[in-house]
Amino acid sequence: MKSMTLEHAVHFTPATVTFCEARLHGWIAEPANTWSSLGYIVIGIWLFVRRGAGVRLPLGTVALAEIGIGIGSLALHGTGTFVGEVLDLAGMFMLSACIFGLSVGRLLRLGERGMVTLWACALIVPFGILWLVHGSGIVSFATILVTGFVAEIALYRRDHTPGFQRFLQMLALLIGAFVVWTLDVTHVVCDPDNHVLGGHAIWHLMCAWSIERLYTFYQESLR
């Protein structure tokens, strides 16, 4: 009985979201969604190697979140397991916590310690909610992310943040990616047998690019 429970925990992915791409029974469950996840990792490494992400802590957290999302997405789409889903959410929570901590912290004129505290809370609390309410991950991520975006817009209205056009570019990419994501998960535009470049794969690539725009925004505004 214990072995059956363990197998269920490892191999069963709850149907919180059903992507268009059909899952295969080989080594890679969703090929298109898997290879496109590498976009996050490639850009994240590039931010460290060529864009100085290791020089300042806030910039480093954005680049690490980019890489974390890529690793989690690889785990989710490559294995099709519940463990992969948790890792995928972990990367997403890293990014939303970073945006929340930086935007709300700067809006409230908190010091670095205060921003780190906000970041830690925005990272830990969603995991606690996920433990209590299964399937709450996307809602928690979206709530924290949108709160961070609203705070950043309020900060611009108050202080005219430098480089804000980069932030708007990030939002435009993210909104466009969300439209593609919606068409994919609702199967409005869907070819389940396309294992090269489907809607969710395009979502990955656009989101990876949007995080690069976010990084550039912070690089200009946090001087």
Protein backbone atom coordinates (compact mmCIF):
# COMPACT_ATOMS: atom_id res chain seq x y z
CA MET A 1 0.00 0.00 0.00
CA LYS A 2 2.85 2.36 0.77
CA SER A 3 4.50 1.78 -2.61
CA MET A 4 1.24 2.62 -4.39
CA THR A 5 0.95 5.85 -2.43
CA LEU A 6 4.52 6.83 -3.31
CA GLU A 7 3.97 6.08 -7.00
CA HIS A 8 0.81 8.19 -6.95
CA ALA A 9 2.62 11.11 -5.33
CA VAL A 10 5.50 11.07 -7.81
CA HIS A 11 3.77 10.34 -11.11
CA PHE A 12 0.39 11.99 -10.80
CA THR A 13 0.12 15.60 -11.92
CA PRO A 14 -3.17 17.27 -10.86
CA ALA A 15 -5.18 18.66 -13.74
CA THR A 16 -5.05 22.26 -12.52
CA VAL A 17 -4.12 23.32 -16.07
CA THR A 18 -4.30 21.18 -19.20
CA PHE A 19 -1.90 22.29 -21.91
CA CYS A 20 -2.61 21.68 -25.57
CA GLU A 21 0.44 19.55 -26.31
CA ALA A 22 -0.33 15.86 -25.88
CA ARG A 23 1.88 14.03 -23.42
CA LEU A 24 4.08 11.28 -24.76
CA HIS A 25 5.24 8.13 -22.97
CA GLY A 26 8.95 8.50 -23.76
CA TRP A 27 11.74 10.21 -21.84
CA ILE A 28 10.24 13.66 -22.51
CA ALA A 29 6.53 14.05 -21.77
CA GLU A 30 5.99 17.32 -23.67
CA PRO A 31 8.87 17.97 -26.14
CA ALA A 32 7.88 21.45 -27.40
CA ASN A 33 7.04 22.72 -23.92
CA THR A 34 10.29 21.22 -22.63
CA TRP A 35 12.81 22.56 -25.13
CA SER A 36 11.27 26.03 -25.04
CA SER A 37 11.85 26.12 -21.27
CA LEU A 38 15.57 26.33 -22.06
CA GLY A 39 14.95 29.92 -23.16
CA TYR A 40 14.69 30.99 -19.53
CA ILE A 41 17.94 29.29 -18.61
CA VAL A 42 19.89 30.62 -21.61
CA ILE A 43 18.76 34.21 -20.99
CA GLY A 44 19.34 33.91 -17.23
CA ILE A 45 22.91 32.71 -17.75
CA TRP A 46 23.45 35.46 -20.33
CA LEU A 47 22.33 38.05 -17.76
CA PHE A 48 25.05 36.82 -15.42
CA VAL A 49 27.79 36.44 -18.04
CA ARG A 50 27.17 39.53 -20.19
CA ARG A 51 24.88 41.87 -18.26
CA GLY A 52 26.42 41.99 -14.79
CA ALA A 53 23.68 40.23 -12.85
CA GLY A 54 26.19 39.13 -10.21
CA VAL A 55 27.24 42.69 -9.39
CA ARG A 56 24.13 43.73 -7.44
CA LEU A 57 21.81 41.57 -5.31
CA PRO A 58 18.49 42.82 -6.81
CA LEU A 59 19.71 42.16 -10.35
CA GLY A 60 21.04 38.77 -9.34
CA THR A 61 17.68 37.73 -7.89
CA VAL A 62 15.93 38.53 -11.19
CA ALA A 63 18.47 36.49 -13.16
CA LEU A 64 18.25 33.62 -10.66
CA ALA A 65 14.46 33.70 -10.92
CA GLU A 66 14.77 33.48 -14.72
CA ILE A 67 16.97 30.39 -14.39
CA GLY A 68 14.74 28.94 -11.64
CA ILE A 69 11.65 29.24 -13.81
CA GLY A 70 13.48 27.46 -16.62
CA ILE A 71 14.58 24.58 -14.39
CA GLY A 72 11.10 24.23 -12.91
CA SER A 73 9.46 24.36 -16.33
CA LEU A 74 11.87 21.71 -17.61
CA ALA A 75 10.95 19.51 -14.66
CA LEU A 76 7.21 19.98 -15.18
CA HIS A 77 7.01 19.50 -18.93
CA GLY A 78 9.85 17.01 -19.17
CA THR A 79 8.58 14.63 -16.49
CA GLY A 80 4.87 15.41 -16.24
CA THR A 81 4.99 14.78 -12.48
CA PHE A 82 3.65 16.49 -9.37
CA VAL A 83 7.24 17.08 -8.22
CA GLY A 84 7.84 18.88 -11.50
CA GLU A 85 4.76 21.02 -10.91
CA VAL A 86 6.06 22.09 -7.49
CA LEU A 87 9.47 22.98 -8.96
CA ASP A 88 7.76 24.97 -11.70
CA LEU A 89 5.79 26.94 -9.12
CA ALA A 90 8.96 27.51 -7.09
CA GLY A 91 10.57 29.35 -9.99
CA MET A 92 7.42 31.41 -10.55
CA PHE A 93 7.26 32.29 -6.85
CA MET A 94 10.92 33.40 -6.98
CA LEU A 95 10.07 35.92 -9.69
CA SER A 96 6.84 37.25 -8.17
CA ALA A 97 8.54 37.60 -4.76
CA CYS A 98 11.41 39.54 -6.35
CA ILE A 99 9.05 41.96 -8.10
CA PHE A 100 6.91 42.34 -4.97
CA GLY A 101 9.88 42.99 -2.68
CA LEU A 102 11.54 45.52 -4.97
CA SER A 103 8.43 47.45 -5.96
CA VAL A 104 6.60 47.56 -2.63
CA GLY A 105 9.84 48.08 -0.72
CA ARG A 106 10.84 51.06 -2.86
CA LEU A 107 7.30 52.46 -2.75
CA LEU A 108 7.32 52.34 1.06
CA ARG A 109 10.91 53.65 1.13
CA LEU A 110 12.15 50.61 3.00
CA GLY A 111 15.82 49.80 3.26
CA GLU A 112 17.49 46.72 1.85
CA ARG A 113 16.60 44.68 4.93
CA GLY A 114 12.94 45.61 4.57
CA MET A 115 12.91 44.63 0.91
CA VAL A 116 14.55 41.29 1.72
CA THR A 117 11.87 40.69 4.37
CA LEU A 118 9.11 41.40 1.85
CA TRP A 119 10.80 39.09 -0.65
CA ALA A 120 11.02 36.29 1.91
CA CYS A 121 7.36 36.67 2.91
CA ALA A 122 6.20 36.75 -0.73
CA LEU A 123 8.19 33.57 -1.34
CA ILE A 124 7.24 31.58 1.75
CA VAL A 125 3.54 32.46 2.11
CA PRO A 126 2.46 31.01 -1.29
CA PHE A 127 4.12 27.71 -0.41
CA GLY A 128 2.22 27.67 2.88
CA ILE A 129 -1.06 28.33 1.09
CA LEU A 130 -0.21 25.66 -1.50
CA TRP A 131 0.37 23.16 1.31
CA LEU A 132 -3.08 23.92 2.73
CA VAL A 133 -4.99 24.50 -0.53
CA HIS A 134 -3.83 22.29 -3.37
CA GLY A 135 -4.04 23.99 -6.76
CA SER A 136 -3.68 27.51 -5.32
CA GLY A 137 -0.24 28.14 -6.82
CA ILE A 138 -1.22 30.06 -9.95
CA VAL A 139 -3.67 32.26 -8.02
CA SER A 140 -1.02 33.09 -5.40
CA PHE A 141 1.56 33.82 -8.09
CA ALA A 142 -0.80 36.09 -10.03
CA THR A 143 -1.92 37.96 -6.90
CA ILE A 144 1.63 38.74 -5.75
CA LEU A 145 2.77 39.57 -9.29
CA VAL A 146 -0.09 41.99 -9.99
CA THR A 147 0.38 43.64 -6.58
CA GLY A 148 4.04 44.20 -7.46
CA PHE A 149 3.12 45.65 -10.85
CA VAL A 150 0.57 48.04 -9.32
CA ALA A 151 3.15 49.18 -6.76
CA GLU A 152 5.69 49.78 -9.53
CA ILE A 153 3.21 51.91 -11.48
CA ALA A 154 2.40 53.89 -8.33
CA LEU A 155 6.13 54.37 -7.76
CA TYR A 156 6.53 55.76 -11.26
CA ARG A 157 3.64 58.18 -10.77
CA ARG A 158 5.33 59.44 -7.61
CA ASP A 159 9.02 59.43 -8.57
CA HIS A 160 9.08 59.18 -12.40
CA THR A 161 11.22 56.05 -12.29
CA PRO A 162 14.03 56.05 -14.90
CA GLY A 163 13.74 53.52 -17.70
CA PHE A 164 10.03 52.97 -17.15
CA GLN A 165 9.57 52.26 -20.85
CA ARG A 166 11.43 48.98 -20.25
CA PHE A 167 8.81 48.09 -17.66
CA LEU A 168 6.06 48.84 -20.19
CA GLN A 169 7.83 46.65 -22.75
CA MET A 170 7.87 43.84 -20.21
CA LEU A 171 4.15 44.29 -19.56
CA ALA A 172 3.35 44.29 -23.30
CA LEU A 173 5.27 41.05 -23.81
CA LEU A 174 3.63 39.48 -20.78
CA ILE A 175 0.12 40.46 -21.88
CA GLY A 176 0.77 39.10 -25.38
CA ALA A 177 2.16 35.90 -23.89
CA PHE A 178 -0.91 35.54 -21.67
CA VAL A 179 -3.18 35.79 -24.71
CA VAL A 180 -1.22 32.96 -26.36
CA TRP A 181 -1.30 30.96 -23.10
CA THR A 182 -5.07 31.37 -22.85
CA LEU A 183 -5.64 30.25 -26.45
CA ASP A 184 -3.47 27.20 -25.70
CA VAL A 185 -4.99 26.04 -22.41
CA THR A 186 -8.56 26.61 -23.63
CA HIS A 187 -7.64 24.66 -26.81
CA VAL A 188 -9.05 27.44 -29.00
CA VAL A 189 -5.82 27.34 -31.03
CA CYS A 190 -4.46 23.86 -30.51
CA ASP A 191 -2.67 21.06 -32.31
CA PRO A 192 -1.97 18.39 -29.67
CA ASP A 193 0.39 16.51 -32.00
CA ASN A 194 2.64 19.54 -32.62
CA HIS A 195 5.74 18.71 -30.58
CA VAL A 196 7.95 21.39 -32.14
CA LEU A 197 6.44 24.81 -31.39
CA GLY A 198 3.00 25.08 -29.80
CA GLY A 199 1.22 27.88 -28.02
CA HIS A 200 2.67 27.10 -24.60
CA ALA A 201 6.18 26.97 -26.06
CA ILE A 202 5.65 30.46 -27.50
CA TRP A 203 4.43 31.54 -24.05
CA HIS A 204 7.73 30.31 -22.57
CA LEU A 205 9.86 32.23 -25.06
CA MET A 206 7.87 35.46 -24.73
CA CYS A 207 7.94 35.27 -20.92
CA ALA A 208 11.69 34.64 -20.94
CA TRP A 209 12.14 37.75 -23.06
CA SER A 210 9.81 39.76 -20.79
CA ILE A 211 11.97 38.92 -17.76
CA GLU A 212 15.00 40.19 -19.68
CA ARG A 213 13.11 43.46 -20.18
CA LEU A 214 12.33 43.54 -16.46
CA TYR A 215 16.01 43.03 -15.68
CA THR A 216 16.93 45.92 -18.00
CA PHE A 217 14.36 48.10 -16.26
CA TYR A 218 15.83 47.38 -12.83
CA GLN A 219 19.34 47.89 -14.20
CA GLU A 220 18.37 51.43 -15.20
CA SER A 221 16.07 52.33 -12.30
CA LEU A 222 18.11 51.02 -9.36
CA ARG A 223 21.22 53.12 -9.98
